[in-house]
Protein backbone atom coordinates (compact mmCIF):
# COMPACT_ATOMS: atom_id res chain seq x y z
CA MET A 1 80.60 143.39 87.03
CA PRO A 2 78.14 144.65 89.67
CA MET A 3 78.10 143.07 93.10
CA SER A 4 75.24 140.71 93.93
CA PHE A 5 73.90 140.70 97.48
CA ALA A 6 72.37 137.26 98.07
CA HIS A 7 70.97 136.38 101.48
CA VAL A 8 73.74 134.59 103.40
CA ASP A 9 72.96 132.55 106.51
CA LEU A 10 75.42 131.72 109.28
CA VAL A 11 75.05 127.94 109.62
CA VAL A 12 77.64 127.30 112.33
CA GLN A 13 79.55 129.87 114.35
CA ALA A 14 82.50 127.49 114.14
CA ARG A 15 85.41 129.90 114.70
CA ASN A 16 87.58 127.69 112.52
CA GLY A 17 91.21 128.70 112.18
CA VAL A 18 91.11 127.57 108.54
CA GLY A 19 87.79 126.02 107.55
CA GLU A 20 88.35 123.98 104.39
CA SER A 21 87.21 121.11 102.16
CA PRO A 22 83.42 121.12 102.62
CA VAL A 23 81.83 117.92 101.28
CA TRP A 24 78.06 117.33 101.17
CA LEU A 25 76.89 113.72 101.58
CA PRO A 26 73.39 113.41 100.03
CA GLN A 27 72.76 110.03 101.69
CA GLU A 28 73.20 111.63 105.12
CA GLN A 29 72.02 115.14 104.26
CA ALA A 30 75.12 116.30 106.09
CA LEU A 31 78.04 118.61 105.42
CA TYR A 32 81.55 117.58 106.45
CA TRP A 33 84.55 119.89 106.50
CA VAL A 34 87.90 120.39 108.24
CA ASP A 35 89.64 122.95 110.41
CA ILE A 36 93.26 122.61 109.29
CA PRO A 37 95.25 124.00 112.27
CA ALA A 38 92.90 122.39 114.82
CA ARG A 39 93.36 118.95 113.17
CA LYS A 40 89.60 118.51 113.18
CA MET A 41 86.92 117.04 110.96
CA LEU A 42 83.45 118.47 111.54
CA ARG A 43 79.93 117.44 110.53
CA TRP A 44 76.73 119.48 110.41
CA MET A 45 73.50 117.48 110.05
CA GLY A 46 70.93 119.22 107.90
CA ARG A 47 67.89 117.61 109.53
CA ASP A 48 68.57 118.74 113.11
CA ALA A 49 71.57 121.13 112.88
CA GLN A 50 73.58 118.82 115.15
CA LEU A 51 77.32 119.49 115.10
CA SER A 52 79.95 116.78 115.65
CA SER A 53 83.75 116.90 115.49
CA TRP A 54 86.72 114.55 115.53
CA THR A 55 90.39 115.31 116.21
CA LEU A 56 93.03 113.60 114.05
CA PRO A 57 96.76 113.05 114.69
CA GLU A 58 97.90 115.48 111.95
CA THR A 59 96.57 118.57 110.24
CA ILE A 60 94.11 117.74 107.46
CA GLY A 61 94.21 119.62 104.17
CA CYS A 62 91.27 117.98 102.40
CA ILE A 63 88.90 115.03 102.62
CA ALA A 64 86.97 112.74 100.31
CA SER A 65 84.19 110.32 101.18
CA ALA A 66 85.08 106.80 100.04
CA GLN A 67 83.02 103.97 98.61
CA ASP A 68 83.59 101.74 101.65
CA GLY A 69 82.19 104.29 104.11
CA THR A 70 85.56 105.60 105.25
CA TRP A 71 87.10 109.00 104.58
CA LEU A 72 90.34 109.62 102.73
CA CYS A 73 92.19 112.43 104.50
CA ALA A 74 95.17 114.12 102.84
CA MET A 75 97.25 115.26 105.80
CA GLU A 76 100.83 116.27 106.55
CA THR A 77 102.76 113.10 105.78
CA GLY A 78 100.36 111.25 103.51
CA VAL A 79 96.82 110.00 103.03
CA ALA A 80 94.95 108.29 105.85
CA SER A 81 91.85 106.13 105.80
CA VAL A 82 89.54 107.23 108.62
CA ARG A 83 86.30 105.80 109.93
CA LEU A 84 84.21 108.03 112.18
CA GLY A 85 82.26 106.84 115.19
CA GLU A 86 80.23 108.97 117.54
CA SER A 87 81.36 112.57 117.91
CA GLY A 88 84.95 112.62 119.13
CA ASN A 89 85.54 108.92 118.49
CA LEU A 90 87.64 107.60 115.60
CA THR A 91 86.98 103.91 115.03
CA GLN A 92 89.70 103.62 112.37
CA PHE A 93 92.80 105.59 111.51
CA GLU A 94 95.23 104.02 109.04
CA MET A 95 97.95 105.89 107.17
CA ARG A 96 97.60 104.34 103.72
CA THR A 97 100.34 106.06 101.78
CA SER A 98 103.13 108.53 102.53
CA ILE A 99 104.56 111.44 100.56
CA ALA A 100 108.25 112.29 100.26
CA HIS A 101 108.03 116.09 100.47
CA PRO A 102 111.00 117.97 98.97
CA LEU A 103 111.28 120.08 102.14
CA GLU A 104 110.24 119.87 105.76
CA LYS A 105 107.26 121.93 107.00
CA MET A 106 104.99 120.88 104.15
CA ARG A 107 101.47 119.48 104.13
CA PHE A 108 98.56 118.75 101.86
CA ASN A 109 96.18 121.58 101.10
CA ASP A 110 93.26 121.63 98.66
CA GLY A 111 92.03 118.60 96.72
CA ARG A 112 89.06 116.47 95.67
CA CYS A 113 88.07 113.47 93.57
CA ASP A 114 87.70 113.57 89.80
CA ARG A 115 84.43 112.36 88.24
CA GLN A 116 85.76 108.79 88.30
CA GLY A 117 86.51 108.88 92.05
CA ARG A 118 90.29 109.30 91.84
CA MET A 119 91.61 111.60 94.55
CA ARG A 120 93.90 114.47 93.55
CA ALA A 121 95.40 116.89 96.08
CA GLY A 122 98.11 119.53 96.26
CA THR A 123 100.91 120.15 98.75
CA MET A 124 102.37 123.42 100.01
CA TYR A 125 105.17 124.84 102.12
CA THR A 126 103.49 126.04 105.29
CA ASP A 127 105.47 129.28 105.64
CA MET A 128 103.71 131.21 102.90
CA ALA A 129 105.92 134.27 103.45
CA ALA A 130 108.89 132.26 102.17
CA ALA A 131 107.16 131.86 98.77
CA LYS A 132 108.78 128.52 97.95
CA PRO A 133 107.37 126.97 94.74
CA VAL A 134 107.79 123.39 95.95
CA GLY A 135 104.13 122.40 96.03
CA ALA A 136 102.72 119.76 93.71
CA VAL A 137 99.45 118.08 92.81
CA TYR A 138 99.48 114.31 93.30
CA ALA A 139 97.40 111.43 91.99
CA LEU A 140 96.67 109.69 95.26
CA ASN A 141 94.57 106.59 94.79
CA ASP A 142 95.21 104.91 91.48
CA GLY A 143 96.54 101.71 93.04
CA ARG A 144 100.13 102.81 92.62
CA ILE A 145 102.75 105.05 94.21
CA PRO A 146 101.54 108.69 94.28
CA GLU A 147 102.38 110.44 91.04
CA VAL A 148 103.11 114.15 90.54
CA LEU A 149 100.65 115.63 88.06
CA VAL A 150 101.55 119.35 88.37
CA ASP A 151 104.57 120.83 90.14
CA GLY A 152 106.20 124.21 90.84
CA LEU A 153 103.26 125.50 92.88
CA LEU A 154 103.24 127.85 95.85
CA THR A 155 99.77 127.31 97.33
CA PRO A 156 97.73 124.93 95.18
CA ASN A 157 94.02 125.54 95.54
CA GLY A 158 90.71 125.69 93.73
CA MET A 159 90.71 122.18 92.28
CA ALA A 160 87.47 121.36 90.48
CA PHE A 161 86.25 119.36 87.50
CA SER A 162 83.80 120.22 84.74
CA PRO A 163 80.50 118.29 84.71
CA ASP A 164 81.77 115.95 81.97
CA GLY A 165 85.07 115.48 83.80
CA ARG A 166 87.15 116.57 80.80
CA THR A 167 88.41 119.86 82.25
CA MET A 168 90.36 120.20 85.48
CA TYR A 169 90.66 123.58 87.19
CA LEU A 170 93.48 124.50 89.54
CA SER A 171 94.59 127.75 91.14
CA ASP A 172 97.57 129.09 93.03
CA SER A 173 96.24 131.35 95.76
CA HIS A 174 99.62 132.75 96.83
CA SER A 175 99.80 136.53 96.54
CA VAL A 176 102.68 136.38 94.05
CA SER A 177 100.65 134.16 91.70
CA GLN A 178 96.84 134.47 91.99
CA GLN A 179 96.24 132.47 88.83
CA ILE A 180 93.52 129.99 87.90
CA TRP A 181 94.33 127.46 85.18
CA ALA A 182 92.30 125.03 83.12
CA PHE A 183 93.67 121.70 81.89
CA ASP A 184 92.41 119.13 79.45
CA TYR A 185 91.71 116.07 81.59
CA ASP A 186 91.75 112.50 80.32
CA PRO A 187 88.92 110.63 82.11
CA GLU A 188 90.47 107.27 81.26
CA ARG A 189 94.00 107.91 82.51
CA GLY A 190 93.29 110.69 85.01
CA ILE A 191 96.04 112.89 83.57
CA PRO A 192 95.81 116.70 83.08
CA THR A 193 97.47 118.22 79.99
CA ASN A 194 97.42 121.47 78.01
CA ARG A 195 97.67 123.83 80.98
CA ARG A 196 96.37 127.28 80.11
CA LEU A 197 95.36 130.46 81.91
CA PHE A 198 91.67 130.46 82.79
CA VAL A 199 91.46 133.58 85.00
CA ASP A 200 94.12 136.02 86.18
CA MET A 201 92.80 136.95 89.61
CA ASN A 202 95.17 139.90 89.80
CA HIS A 203 92.44 141.64 87.77
CA HIS A 204 89.67 140.78 90.23
CA PRO A 205 89.15 141.34 93.97
CA GLY A 206 90.68 138.71 96.22
CA ARG A 207 92.99 135.71 95.95
CA PRO A 208 91.55 132.51 94.40
CA ASP A 209 90.95 129.99 97.18
CA GLY A 210 88.75 126.87 97.21
CA ALA A 211 86.23 126.35 94.43
CA ALA A 212 83.28 124.37 93.10
CA VAL A 213 81.65 123.83 89.70
CA ASP A 214 77.89 124.07 89.19
CA GLU A 215 75.72 121.99 86.84
CA ASP A 216 76.09 124.66 84.13
CA GLY A 217 79.86 124.17 84.19
CA CYS A 218 80.56 127.54 85.80
CA TYR A 219 83.42 127.84 88.27
CA TRP A 220 82.82 129.39 91.71
CA THR A 221 85.91 130.59 93.57
CA CYS A 222 86.20 132.02 97.06
CA ALA A 223 87.89 135.41 96.86
CA ASN A 224 90.08 135.31 99.96
CA ASP A 225 90.83 138.73 101.48
CA ALA A 226 88.00 140.31 99.47
CA GLY A 227 84.96 138.85 101.24
CA GLN A 228 83.38 137.70 98.00
CA ILE A 229 82.69 134.65 95.90
CA HIS A 230 83.01 134.89 92.11
CA ARG A 231 81.33 132.84 89.39
CA PHE A 232 83.19 132.45 86.10
CA THR A 233 81.72 130.94 82.94
CA PRO A 234 83.57 128.08 81.18
CA ALA A 235 85.03 130.77 78.91
CA GLY A 236 86.63 132.49 81.92
CA ARG A 237 84.26 135.46 81.95
CA LEU A 238 83.20 136.87 85.32
CA ASP A 239 79.48 136.22 85.53
CA ARG A 240 78.71 137.52 89.03
CA SER A 241 80.23 138.34 92.42
CA ILE A 242 78.44 137.80 95.72
CA ALA A 243 79.36 139.66 98.90
CA LEU A 244 79.94 137.59 102.04
CA PRO A 245 79.93 138.72 105.69
CA VAL A 246 83.56 137.65 106.26
CA LYS A 247 86.82 138.83 104.74
CA LYS A 248 88.43 135.44 104.18
CA PRO A 249 86.14 132.83 102.61
CA ALA A 250 88.12 129.64 102.06
CA MET A 251 86.17 127.01 100.08
CA CYS A 252 82.68 126.33 98.81
CA ALA A 253 80.57 123.27 98.02
CA PHE A 254 77.06 122.70 96.74
CA GLY A 255 74.64 120.72 98.86
CA GLY A 256 71.21 120.69 100.45
CA PRO A 257 68.23 118.47 99.53
CA GLN A 258 68.05 119.97 96.01
CA MET A 259 71.80 120.61 95.63
CA ASP A 260 70.96 124.31 95.28
CA THR A 261 72.65 125.56 98.46
CA LEU A 262 76.21 126.83 98.34
CA PHE A 263 78.06 126.24 101.60
CA VAL A 264 81.12 128.40 102.30
CA THR A 265 83.81 127.86 104.93
CA SER A 266 86.03 130.66 106.19
CA ILE A 267 89.21 131.59 108.05
CA ARG A 268 89.71 133.19 111.46
CA THR A 269 93.25 134.50 111.95
CA PRO A 270 94.68 135.22 115.43
CA GLU A 271 94.23 138.94 114.71
CA MET A 272 90.57 138.38 113.90
CA ALA A 273 90.13 136.36 117.09
CA ALA A 274 91.65 139.18 119.13
CA ALA A 275 89.22 141.62 117.53
CA ALA A 276 86.29 139.38 118.51
CA THR A 277 84.81 139.39 115.00
CA HIS A 278 82.50 136.48 115.71
CA LEU A 279 81.53 135.60 112.12
CA ASP A 280 85.08 134.92 110.92
CA GLY A 281 85.78 131.19 110.78
CA GLY A 282 82.08 130.40 110.43
CA LEU A 283 80.24 128.13 108.02
CA PHE A 284 77.78 129.96 105.77
CA ALA A 285 75.06 129.04 103.28
CA LEU A 286 73.38 130.86 100.41
CA ARG A 287 71.18 130.00 97.44
CA PRO A 288 72.75 131.41 94.30
CA GLY A 289 69.98 130.31 91.91
CA VAL A 290 71.86 127.38 90.35
CA LYS A 291 72.44 123.76 91.34
CA GLY A 292 75.67 121.91 91.88
CA LEU A 293 76.81 118.33 91.38
CA ALA A 294 77.28 115.69 94.05
CA GLU A 295 80.88 114.69 94.71
CA THR A 296 81.96 111.32 93.34
CA LEU A 297 82.79 108.83 96.07
CA ALA A 298 86.49 108.05 96.26
CA SER A 299 87.84 104.68 95.28
CA VAL A 300 90.07 103.14 97.93
CA GLU A 301 92.79 101.69 95.72
CA ILE A 302 95.63 103.20 97.72
CA PRO A 303 98.69 100.94 97.92
């Protein structure tokens, strides 16, 4: 598949350690995302390019905007309900539910809401070199104790849902796995079944990191370590690859006034910081020629 060279804009020279979980809020015309090691949530306002940030007590793996105006933040020890004030000011922080990790040194990583607004997120062992398959995907806000939906994962990533909500995608971005799976997803019960290989990323450049689904049902995955983003059709066929100006894109999300802009967060390792590669860790935007779908607001039925 030939490389596509779309115009890519640097939106924010954020220098994020690990920029993750971008979420576009149409009602605000704003993009929110997190920097995991910095324990920060960030917001970029589309109308005036104003940047705001908030520091939280724990590292944040992923976020979801909730129906009551708060944010659900999947963190180290559980899921918190957070209300943001002016930049730097948290007006509410409440740990709503905790997770009994099988080992110490674990945290939440990638996640999002299904089409019904139920939050799902995966956990990982933070020392990736140890390659411990103790991560799991949890159902987090069904009004009951968190339930394990998928286990035995190294670095769960790439969660996304088809436009009709009946297919769930999930990847493991660890270098010893690099798989993307598809599941049948029951919209009524919120349960994934019939796990099957969707894409073996060992046959493509990069490791599968965060992802998004467009209105055509195609799956966009950030190819970490390869400086690309790949689009796969619902049949798992590589449709196109787009070059990015950074080596380690982390996650993508559709947004903008017409939902036709693809925002991409990225990673800046200590080695990259020492080399003064200023684009690494930035937030980028491109127009790939297709539209995405707005994220469903999260329900807040956390016990």
